[in-house]
Amino acid sequence: MIFLQDDVIILRPLDVTDADGDYPTWLNDEITCAGNGHHRIPYTRGDARTFVETARESSDSIVLAIETKNGNTHVGNIALQNICWYSRSAEIAIIIGDASGRNNGVGFRASQLIINHGFMELNLYSIICRTFSNNTAMIALAKKLGMQRVGSLRKSVFKDGHYLDVEIFDLLKDD
C-alpha cells in the first residue's frame, strides 16, 4: 500500500510482517542507534510487532515505512509523532536502518514528503525535531530541510556512559 511517494521512494504504513524482516535488528545495531535513544535494551521481533500494532491505532502519530522503489527494500521508518491537534504541532522522527538507504537522499526525500503532508493535509503549523548533539547526520538533515535551531536541553540524555545535549529544531508552515 502506498501512502506517499516520489520518484525514488514510497512511504507506506508499517505492517506487522515488517517485524519479520530486518527492521527489529536496526534498533539493536550500535552504529544505527549511535545518535538516538535506542540500543539501550534489546529490541525483539515481539517488541516490533507490538509497536506496529500500537502505532496503527494511534490518534497522535503517523508511522510509515520508507521503501525504495528500485528493489522494494524497507530501509527505514519515519513518523510524525506527538501530534497536538489543538496547537497544530508535531515532532518528526526518522531512522534509516538499512545501510543502502544512507547517504543517498532517502532520508531527505522521506522527510520532505511527510512534512509536506503534515502542513498541507493535517493542517499542522509547527513541526519540531529533537536529536542528540552527537547525531551530525540528523542535525545536517534538519538544516537541509530548512529547520531552525531553537535551543538545546543541556545534558538531558545519558547514552554510552555520557550525558548529551538534545538539540531542538523547528519548522513553521509560514517558513
N, C-alpha and C. Protein backbone atom coordinates (compact mmCIF):
# COMPACT_ATOMS: atom_id res chain seq x y z
N MET A 1 0.84 -1.18 0.00
CA MET A 1 0.00 0.00 0.00
C MET A 1 0.88 1.24 0.00
N ILE A 2 0.64 2.14 -0.91
CA ILE A 2 1.39 3.39 -1.00
C ILE A 2 0.58 4.49 -0.31
N PHE A 3 1.23 5.20 0.62
CA PHE A 3 0.59 6.34 1.26
C PHE A 3 1.10 7.64 0.64
N LEU A 4 2.42 7.79 0.58
CA LEU A 4 3.05 8.94 -0.06
C LEU A 4 4.20 8.41 -0.90
N GLN A 5 4.54 9.15 -1.97
CA GLN A 5 5.64 8.69 -2.80
C GLN A 5 6.22 9.82 -3.62
N ASP A 6 7.44 9.60 -4.09
CA ASP A 6 8.05 10.45 -5.11
C ASP A 6 8.67 9.52 -6.15
N ASP A 7 9.61 9.99 -6.91
CA ASP A 7 10.19 9.17 -7.97
C ASP A 7 11.06 8.03 -7.45
N VAL A 8 11.55 8.14 -6.21
CA VAL A 8 12.54 7.20 -5.70
C VAL A 8 12.01 6.34 -4.55
N ILE A 9 11.14 6.88 -3.72
CA ILE A 9 10.70 6.17 -2.52
C ILE A 9 9.19 6.11 -2.39
N ILE A 10 8.78 5.19 -1.55
CA ILE A 10 7.38 5.02 -1.15
C ILE A 10 7.35 5.11 0.37
N LEU A 11 6.37 5.82 0.89
CA LEU A 11 6.08 5.78 2.33
C LEU A 11 4.77 5.03 2.47
N ARG A 12 4.81 3.96 3.23
CA ARG A 12 3.64 3.11 3.40
C ARG A 12 3.46 2.82 4.89
N PRO A 13 2.24 2.44 5.28
CA PRO A 13 2.05 2.09 6.69
C PRO A 13 2.93 0.89 7.07
N LEU A 14 3.45 0.94 8.27
CA LEU A 14 4.16 -0.23 8.79
C LEU A 14 3.18 -1.38 8.90
N ASP A 15 3.66 -2.57 8.66
CA ASP A 15 2.83 -3.76 8.74
C ASP A 15 3.46 -4.72 9.73
N VAL A 16 2.66 -5.53 10.37
CA VAL A 16 3.19 -6.49 11.34
C VAL A 16 4.23 -7.40 10.70
N THR A 17 4.10 -7.66 9.42
CA THR A 17 5.09 -8.51 8.74
C THR A 17 6.46 -7.84 8.66
N ASP A 18 6.53 -6.52 8.82
CA ASP A 18 7.83 -5.84 8.85
C ASP A 18 8.67 -6.33 10.03
N ALA A 19 8.01 -6.79 11.07
CA ALA A 19 8.73 -7.32 12.24
C ALA A 19 9.48 -8.61 11.92
N ASP A 20 9.12 -9.26 10.82
CA ASP A 20 9.81 -10.49 10.41
C ASP A 20 11.02 -10.20 9.53
N GLY A 21 11.19 -8.95 9.12
CA GLY A 21 12.33 -8.56 8.28
C GLY A 21 13.46 -8.00 9.11
N ASP A 22 14.23 -7.11 8.49
CA ASP A 22 15.41 -6.54 9.15
C ASP A 22 15.09 -5.45 10.17
N TYR A 23 13.90 -4.88 10.09
CA TYR A 23 13.54 -3.73 10.93
C TYR A 23 13.90 -3.91 12.41
N PRO A 24 13.55 -5.00 13.08
CA PRO A 24 13.90 -5.09 14.51
C PRO A 24 15.41 -5.07 14.77
N THR A 25 16.20 -5.54 13.81
CA THR A 25 17.65 -5.56 14.03
C THR A 25 18.25 -4.16 14.02
N TRP A 26 17.60 -3.21 13.34
CA TRP A 26 18.13 -1.85 13.29
C TRP A 26 18.26 -1.26 14.69
N LEU A 27 17.29 -1.57 15.55
CA LEU A 27 17.27 -0.96 16.88
C LEU A 27 18.20 -1.66 17.86
N ASN A 28 18.86 -2.72 17.38
CA ASN A 28 19.88 -3.39 18.16
C ASN A 28 21.28 -3.12 17.61
N ASP A 29 21.35 -2.32 16.56
CA ASP A 29 22.62 -2.03 15.89
C ASP A 29 23.26 -0.79 16.49
N GLU A 30 24.44 -0.94 17.01
CA GLU A 30 25.12 0.16 17.70
C GLU A 30 25.38 1.35 16.78
N ILE A 31 25.74 1.09 15.53
CA ILE A 31 26.03 2.18 14.60
C ILE A 31 24.75 2.93 14.23
N THR A 32 23.70 2.18 13.88
CA THR A 32 22.42 2.80 13.51
C THR A 32 21.88 3.65 14.65
N CYS A 33 22.09 3.22 15.87
CA CYS A 33 21.48 3.88 17.03
C CYS A 33 22.43 4.80 17.80
N ALA A 34 23.60 5.08 17.22
CA ALA A 34 24.57 5.92 17.93
C ALA A 34 24.01 7.28 18.30
N GLY A 35 23.14 7.85 17.46
CA GLY A 35 22.64 9.20 17.71
C GLY A 35 21.20 9.25 18.15
N ASN A 36 20.64 8.12 18.62
CA ASN A 36 19.25 8.14 19.08
C ASN A 36 19.10 7.37 20.38
N GLY A 37 17.91 7.29 20.88
CA GLY A 37 17.64 6.69 22.18
C GLY A 37 17.54 5.18 22.19
N HIS A 38 17.72 4.54 21.05
CA HIS A 38 17.64 3.07 21.00
C HIS A 38 18.99 2.45 21.37
N HIS A 39 19.05 1.15 21.34
CA HIS A 39 20.24 0.35 21.65
C HIS A 39 20.64 0.51 23.12
N ARG A 40 19.65 0.56 23.98
CA ARG A 40 19.90 0.56 25.42
C ARG A 40 19.45 -0.75 26.04
N ILE A 41 18.33 -1.26 25.53
CA ILE A 41 17.86 -2.58 25.93
C ILE A 41 17.56 -3.35 24.64
N PRO A 42 17.65 -4.67 24.67
CA PRO A 42 17.40 -5.44 23.44
C PRO A 42 15.99 -5.19 22.90
N TYR A 43 15.89 -5.14 21.59
CA TYR A 43 14.62 -4.93 20.89
C TYR A 43 14.31 -6.21 20.13
N THR A 44 13.16 -6.80 20.41
CA THR A 44 12.82 -8.10 19.83
C THR A 44 11.79 -7.96 18.71
N ARG A 45 11.59 -9.04 17.99
CA ARG A 45 10.54 -9.07 16.97
C ARG A 45 9.17 -8.86 17.62
N GLY A 46 9.00 -9.39 18.82
CA GLY A 46 7.75 -9.18 19.56
C GLY A 46 7.56 -7.71 19.89
N ASP A 47 8.64 -7.03 20.29
CA ASP A 47 8.57 -5.59 20.55
C ASP A 47 8.15 -4.84 19.29
N ALA A 48 8.72 -5.25 18.15
CA ALA A 48 8.39 -4.61 16.88
C ALA A 48 6.92 -4.82 16.52
N ARG A 49 6.43 -6.04 16.71
CA ARG A 49 5.01 -6.31 16.42
C ARG A 49 4.10 -5.45 17.29
N THR A 50 4.42 -5.36 18.57
CA THR A 50 3.62 -4.55 19.50
C THR A 50 3.65 -3.09 19.09
N PHE A 51 4.84 -2.59 18.71
CA PHE A 51 4.96 -1.19 18.29
C PHE A 51 4.10 -0.93 17.06
N VAL A 52 4.18 -1.82 16.07
CA VAL A 52 3.41 -1.63 14.83
C VAL A 52 1.92 -1.63 15.13
N GLU A 53 1.46 -2.57 15.94
CA GLU A 53 0.03 -2.65 16.26
C GLU A 53 -0.43 -1.40 17.01
N THR A 54 0.38 -0.92 17.94
CA THR A 54 0.05 0.27 18.71
C THR A 54 0.05 1.51 17.82
N ALA A 55 1.06 1.60 16.93
CA ALA A 55 1.16 2.76 16.04
C ALA A 55 -0.04 2.85 15.10
N ARG A 56 -0.54 1.71 14.67
CA ARG A 56 -1.68 1.71 13.75
C ARG A 56 -2.95 2.22 14.41
N GLU A 57 -3.03 2.11 15.73
CA GLU A 57 -4.22 2.54 16.46
C GLU A 57 -4.09 3.94 17.03
N SER A 58 -2.92 4.55 16.88
CA SER A 58 -2.66 5.85 17.49
C SER A 58 -3.40 6.98 16.79
N SER A 59 -3.89 7.91 17.58
CA SER A 59 -4.53 9.11 17.00
C SER A 59 -3.60 10.31 17.06
N ASP A 60 -2.39 10.13 17.63
CA ASP A 60 -1.47 11.25 17.71
C ASP A 60 -0.12 10.96 17.04
N SER A 61 -0.11 10.00 16.12
CA SER A 61 1.11 9.75 15.35
C SER A 61 0.79 9.08 14.03
N ILE A 62 1.67 9.31 13.08
CA ILE A 62 1.64 8.62 11.79
C ILE A 62 3.02 8.01 11.62
N VAL A 63 3.09 6.70 11.60
CA VAL A 63 4.36 5.99 11.47
C VAL A 63 4.35 5.25 10.14
N LEU A 64 5.37 5.51 9.33
CA LEU A 64 5.42 4.94 7.99
C LEU A 64 6.76 4.26 7.73
N ALA A 65 6.71 3.22 6.92
CA ALA A 65 7.92 2.57 6.44
C ALA A 65 8.43 3.34 5.23
N ILE A 66 9.74 3.45 5.12
CA ILE A 66 10.38 4.04 3.95
C ILE A 66 10.87 2.88 3.09
N GLU A 67 10.39 2.84 1.86
CA GLU A 67 10.74 1.75 0.97
C GLU A 67 11.27 2.33 -0.34
N THR A 68 12.34 1.74 -0.85
CA THR A 68 12.86 2.19 -2.14
C THR A 68 12.03 1.58 -3.26
N LYS A 69 11.86 2.33 -4.33
CA LYS A 69 11.10 1.82 -5.47
C LYS A 69 11.92 0.81 -6.25
N ASN A 70 13.23 1.02 -6.34
CA ASN A 70 14.05 0.04 -7.03
C ASN A 70 14.47 -1.03 -6.02
N GLY A 71 13.82 -2.14 -6.06
CA GLY A 71 14.11 -3.23 -5.15
C GLY A 71 13.10 -3.43 -4.05
N ASN A 72 12.20 -2.48 -3.88
CA ASN A 72 11.18 -2.59 -2.83
C ASN A 72 11.79 -2.96 -1.47
N THR A 73 12.86 -2.27 -1.11
CA THR A 73 13.56 -2.56 0.13
C THR A 73 13.10 -1.61 1.23
N HIS A 74 12.72 -2.16 2.36
CA HIS A 74 12.34 -1.37 3.54
C HIS A 74 13.64 -0.90 4.18
N VAL A 75 13.95 0.40 4.04
CA VAL A 75 15.24 0.92 4.51
C VAL A 75 15.15 1.72 5.79
N GLY A 76 13.94 2.11 6.18
CA GLY A 76 13.81 2.91 7.39
C GLY A 76 12.36 3.19 7.74
N ASN A 77 12.19 3.96 8.78
CA ASN A 77 10.87 4.38 9.24
C ASN A 77 10.89 5.89 9.47
N ILE A 78 9.75 6.51 9.28
CA ILE A 78 9.62 7.94 9.54
C ILE A 78 8.27 8.17 10.20
N ALA A 79 8.21 9.17 11.07
CA ALA A 79 6.96 9.42 11.79
C ALA A 79 6.75 10.90 12.04
N LEU A 80 5.49 11.26 12.09
CA LEU A 80 5.06 12.48 12.74
C LEU A 80 4.43 11.98 14.03
N GLN A 81 4.99 12.36 15.15
CA GLN A 81 4.52 11.84 16.43
C GLN A 81 4.24 12.98 17.40
N ASN A 82 3.63 12.62 18.48
CA ASN A 82 3.22 13.62 19.48
C ASN A 82 2.42 14.74 18.82
N ILE A 83 1.54 14.35 17.91
CA ILE A 83 0.71 15.35 17.23
C ILE A 83 -0.26 15.97 18.24
N CYS A 84 -0.26 17.28 18.31
CA CYS A 84 -1.21 18.00 19.14
C CYS A 84 -2.17 18.71 18.20
N TRP A 85 -3.39 18.22 18.15
CA TRP A 85 -4.38 18.76 17.22
C TRP A 85 -4.83 20.15 17.62
N TYR A 86 -4.69 20.53 18.89
CA TYR A 86 -5.07 21.86 19.35
C TYR A 86 -4.03 22.90 18.95
N SER A 87 -2.76 22.57 19.18
CA SER A 87 -1.68 23.50 18.86
C SER A 87 -1.20 23.36 17.42
N ARG A 88 -1.70 22.34 16.74
CA ARG A 88 -1.32 22.06 15.35
C ARG A 88 0.19 21.87 15.23
N SER A 89 0.72 21.01 16.11
CA SER A 89 2.15 20.76 16.13
C SER A 89 2.42 19.26 16.16
N ALA A 90 3.64 18.90 15.77
CA ALA A 90 4.07 17.51 15.79
C ALA A 90 5.58 17.47 15.83
N GLU A 91 6.10 16.28 16.06
CA GLU A 91 7.54 16.05 16.05
C GLU A 91 7.86 15.03 14.97
N ILE A 92 8.90 15.29 14.19
CA ILE A 92 9.33 14.35 13.17
C ILE A 92 10.42 13.45 13.75
N ALA A 93 10.36 12.18 13.42
CA ALA A 93 11.38 11.21 13.83
C ALA A 93 11.66 10.31 12.63
N ILE A 94 12.93 9.97 12.46
CA ILE A 94 13.31 9.13 11.33
C ILE A 94 14.47 8.23 11.73
N ILE A 95 14.46 7.03 11.19
CA ILE A 95 15.59 6.13 11.32
C ILE A 95 15.81 5.46 9.97
N ILE A 96 17.04 5.50 9.51
CA ILE A 96 17.43 4.77 8.31
C ILE A 96 18.28 3.60 8.81
N GLY A 97 17.66 2.44 8.84
CA GLY A 97 18.32 1.27 9.41
C GLY A 97 19.12 0.45 8.42
N ASP A 98 18.68 0.42 7.19
CA ASP A 98 19.38 -0.33 6.16
C ASP A 98 20.44 0.58 5.53
N ALA A 99 21.68 0.13 5.52
CA ALA A 99 22.78 0.95 5.03
C ALA A 99 22.56 1.41 3.59
N SER A 100 21.81 0.66 2.80
CA SER A 100 21.57 1.06 1.40
C SER A 100 20.73 2.33 1.30
N GLY A 101 20.08 2.72 2.39
CA GLY A 101 19.26 3.92 2.40
C GLY A 101 19.98 5.15 2.91
N ARG A 102 21.25 4.98 3.28
CA ARG A 102 22.00 6.10 3.85
C ARG A 102 22.84 6.83 2.80
N ASN A 103 23.01 8.11 3.04
CA ASN A 103 23.90 8.95 2.21
C ASN A 103 23.51 9.01 0.74
N ASN A 104 22.22 8.89 0.45
CA ASN A 104 21.77 8.99 -0.94
C ASN A 104 20.48 9.80 -1.07
N GLY A 105 20.13 10.55 -0.04
CA GLY A 105 18.98 11.43 -0.11
C GLY A 105 17.66 10.82 0.29
N VAL A 106 17.65 9.55 0.65
CA VAL A 106 16.38 8.89 1.02
C VAL A 106 15.75 9.55 2.24
N GLY A 107 16.54 9.84 3.26
CA GLY A 107 16.01 10.48 4.46
C GLY A 107 15.45 11.86 4.17
N PHE A 108 16.14 12.61 3.32
CA PHE A 108 15.67 13.95 2.93
C PHE A 108 14.36 13.84 2.17
N ARG A 109 14.27 12.93 1.21
CA ARG A 109 13.06 12.75 0.42
C ARG A 109 11.87 12.36 1.32
N ALA A 110 12.12 11.40 2.20
CA ALA A 110 11.05 10.94 3.11
C ALA A 110 10.59 12.07 4.01
N SER A 111 11.55 12.83 4.52
CA SER A 111 11.22 13.95 5.40
C SER A 111 10.41 15.02 4.67
N GLN A 112 10.80 15.34 3.45
CA GLN A 112 10.05 16.32 2.67
C GLN A 112 8.61 15.85 2.46
N LEU A 113 8.44 14.57 2.13
CA LEU A 113 7.09 14.04 1.89
C LEU A 113 6.22 14.15 3.13
N ILE A 114 6.75 13.72 4.28
CA ILE A 114 5.92 13.70 5.48
C ILE A 114 5.70 15.11 6.03
N ILE A 115 6.68 15.99 5.90
CA ILE A 115 6.49 17.38 6.33
C ILE A 115 5.43 18.06 5.48
N ASN A 116 5.51 17.89 4.18
CA ASN A 116 4.51 18.46 3.30
C ASN A 116 3.11 17.93 3.65
N HIS A 117 3.02 16.63 3.90
CA HIS A 117 1.75 16.03 4.30
C HIS A 117 1.24 16.66 5.61
N GLY A 118 2.16 16.83 6.55
CA GLY A 118 1.78 17.43 7.83
C GLY A 118 1.23 18.84 7.68
N PHE A 119 1.89 19.65 6.86
CA PHE A 119 1.44 21.03 6.68
C PHE A 119 0.21 21.12 5.79
N MET A 120 0.19 20.40 4.70
CA MET A 120 -0.88 20.56 3.72
C MET A 120 -2.14 19.74 4.02
N GLU A 121 -1.98 18.53 4.51
CA GLU A 121 -3.13 17.65 4.72
C GLU A 121 -3.61 17.61 6.17
N LEU A 122 -2.68 17.71 7.11
CA LEU A 122 -3.05 17.66 8.52
C LEU A 122 -3.24 19.05 9.11
N ASN A 123 -2.90 20.08 8.33
CA ASN A 123 -3.02 21.47 8.75
C ASN A 123 -2.18 21.77 9.99
N LEU A 124 -1.00 21.14 10.08
CA LEU A 124 -0.09 21.46 11.16
C LEU A 124 0.52 22.83 10.91
N TYR A 125 0.94 23.48 11.98
CA TYR A 125 1.61 24.77 11.86
C TYR A 125 3.08 24.67 12.22
N SER A 126 3.43 23.75 13.12
CA SER A 126 4.80 23.64 13.60
C SER A 126 5.22 22.17 13.65
N ILE A 127 6.41 21.89 13.13
CA ILE A 127 6.99 20.55 13.23
C ILE A 127 8.37 20.71 13.84
N ILE A 128 8.60 19.98 14.92
CA ILE A 128 9.90 20.05 15.59
C ILE A 128 10.69 18.77 15.36
N CYS A 129 11.97 18.89 15.61
CA CYS A 129 12.89 17.75 15.56
C CYS A 129 13.80 17.86 16.77
N ARG A 130 13.92 16.76 17.49
CA ARG A 130 14.86 16.69 18.61
C ARG A 130 15.88 15.62 18.27
N THR A 131 17.14 15.92 18.51
CA THR A 131 18.18 14.94 18.24
C THR A 131 19.35 15.12 19.18
N PHE A 132 20.06 14.04 19.43
CA PHE A 132 21.23 14.12 20.29
C PHE A 132 22.28 15.01 19.63
N SER A 133 23.06 15.70 20.43
CA SER A 133 24.06 16.62 19.92
C SER A 133 25.15 15.92 19.12
N ASN A 134 25.31 14.61 19.28
CA ASN A 134 26.32 13.87 18.52
C ASN A 134 25.76 13.29 17.22
N ASN A 135 24.49 13.53 16.93
CA ASN A 135 23.87 12.98 15.71
C ASN A 135 24.04 13.99 14.57
N THR A 136 25.24 14.03 14.03
CA THR A 136 25.56 15.01 13.00
C THR A 136 24.71 14.82 11.74
N ALA A 137 24.35 13.59 11.42
CA ALA A 137 23.53 13.34 10.23
C ALA A 137 22.14 13.95 10.39
N MET A 138 21.53 13.80 11.56
CA MET A 138 20.19 14.36 11.78
C MET A 138 20.24 15.88 11.86
N ILE A 139 21.28 16.42 12.46
CA ILE A 139 21.42 17.87 12.52
C ILE A 139 21.56 18.43 11.10
N ALA A 140 22.36 17.78 10.27
CA ALA A 140 22.52 18.22 8.87
C ALA A 140 21.20 18.11 8.12
N LEU A 141 20.45 17.03 8.35
CA LEU A 141 19.16 16.85 7.69
C LEU A 141 18.18 17.95 8.11
N ALA A 142 18.12 18.25 9.40
CA ALA A 142 17.22 19.30 9.88
C ALA A 142 17.54 20.63 9.20
N LYS A 143 18.81 20.96 9.10
CA LYS A 143 19.21 22.21 8.45
C LYS A 143 18.86 22.19 6.97
N LYS A 144 19.09 21.06 6.30
CA LYS A 144 18.79 20.94 4.87
C LYS A 144 17.29 21.10 4.61
N LEU A 145 16.48 20.68 5.57
CA LEU A 145 15.02 20.81 5.46
C LEU A 145 14.55 22.24 5.74
N GLY A 146 15.47 23.10 6.13
CA GLY A 146 15.11 24.49 6.42
C GLY A 146 14.69 24.71 7.87
N MET A 147 14.92 23.73 8.72
CA MET A 147 14.57 23.87 10.13
C MET A 147 15.56 24.81 10.81
N GLN A 148 15.07 25.51 11.81
CA GLN A 148 15.88 26.44 12.58
C GLN A 148 16.20 25.83 13.94
N ARG A 149 17.44 25.96 14.37
CA ARG A 149 17.79 25.52 15.72
C ARG A 149 17.18 26.52 16.71
N VAL A 150 16.39 26.00 17.65
CA VAL A 150 15.73 26.88 18.61
C VAL A 150 16.26 26.72 20.02
N GLY A 151 17.14 25.76 20.23
CA GLY A 151 17.72 25.60 21.56
C GLY A 151 18.21 24.19 21.80
N SER A 152 18.58 23.96 23.05
CA SER A 152 19.02 22.63 23.43
C SER A 152 18.64 22.36 24.88
N LEU A 153 18.49 21.10 25.15
CA LEU A 153 18.28 20.63 26.52
C LEU A 153 19.64 20.11 26.98
N ARG A 154 20.27 20.84 27.87
CA ARG A 154 21.64 20.54 28.25
C ARG A 154 21.75 19.25 29.06
N LYS A 155 22.63 18.39 28.58
CA LYS A 155 22.97 17.14 29.29
C LYS A 155 21.72 16.40 29.77
N SER A 156 20.73 16.31 28.91
CA SER A 156 19.45 15.73 29.30
C SER A 156 19.28 14.26 28.95
N VAL A 157 20.29 13.68 28.26
CA VAL A 157 20.21 12.28 27.87
C VAL A 157 21.50 11.58 28.28
N PHE A 158 21.35 10.40 28.84
CA PHE A 158 22.52 9.59 29.18
C PHE A 158 22.62 8.45 28.19
N LYS A 159 23.71 8.38 27.46
CA LYS A 159 23.89 7.34 26.45
C LYS A 159 25.37 6.99 26.35
N ASP A 160 25.65 5.71 26.35
CA ASP A 160 27.03 5.22 26.20
C ASP A 160 27.98 5.82 27.23
N GLY A 161 27.50 5.98 28.45
CA GLY A 161 28.35 6.44 29.53
C GLY A 161 28.56 7.94 29.61
N HIS A 162 27.82 8.71 28.79
CA HIS A 162 27.99 10.17 28.77
C HIS A 162 26.63 10.85 28.77
N TYR A 163 26.60 12.03 29.34
CA TYR A 163 25.41 12.88 29.21
C TYR A 163 25.56 13.70 27.93
N LEU A 164 24.48 13.79 27.18
CA LEU A 164 24.47 14.52 25.92
C LEU A 164 23.39 15.59 25.93
N ASP A 165 23.64 16.65 25.19
CA ASP A 165 22.61 17.65 24.95
C ASP A 165 21.64 17.12 23.91
N VAL A 166 20.42 17.60 23.95
CA VAL A 166 19.44 17.33 22.91
C VAL A 166 19.21 18.64 22.17
N GLU A 167 19.51 18.62 20.88
CA GLU A 167 19.32 19.80 20.04
C GLU A 167 17.88 19.83 19.55
N ILE A 168 17.28 21.01 19.52
CA ILE A 168 15.89 21.16 19.10
C ILE A 168 15.83 22.09 17.89
N PHE A 169 15.15 21.63 16.86
CA PHE A 169 14.94 22.40 15.63
C PHE A 169 13.44 22.49 15.39
N ASP A 170 13.02 23.52 14.66
CA ASP A 170 11.61 23.56 14.26
C ASP A 170 11.45 24.17 12.88
N LEU A 171 10.30 23.90 12.31
CA LEU A 171 9.93 24.43 11.02
C LEU A 171 8.46 24.84 11.13
N LEU A 172 8.18 26.07 10.73
CA LEU A 172 6.81 26.55 10.76
C LEU A 172 6.22 26.53 9.35
N LYS A 173 4.93 26.37 9.28
CA LYS A 173 4.26 26.34 7.98
C LYS A 173 4.57 27.61 7.19
N ASP A 174 4.70 28.74 7.87
CA ASP A 174 4.99 30.01 7.22
C ASP A 174 6.41 30.09 6.65
N ASP A 175 7.29 29.24 7.17
CA ASP A 175 8.68 29.25 6.69
C ASP A 175 8.68 28.77 5.26
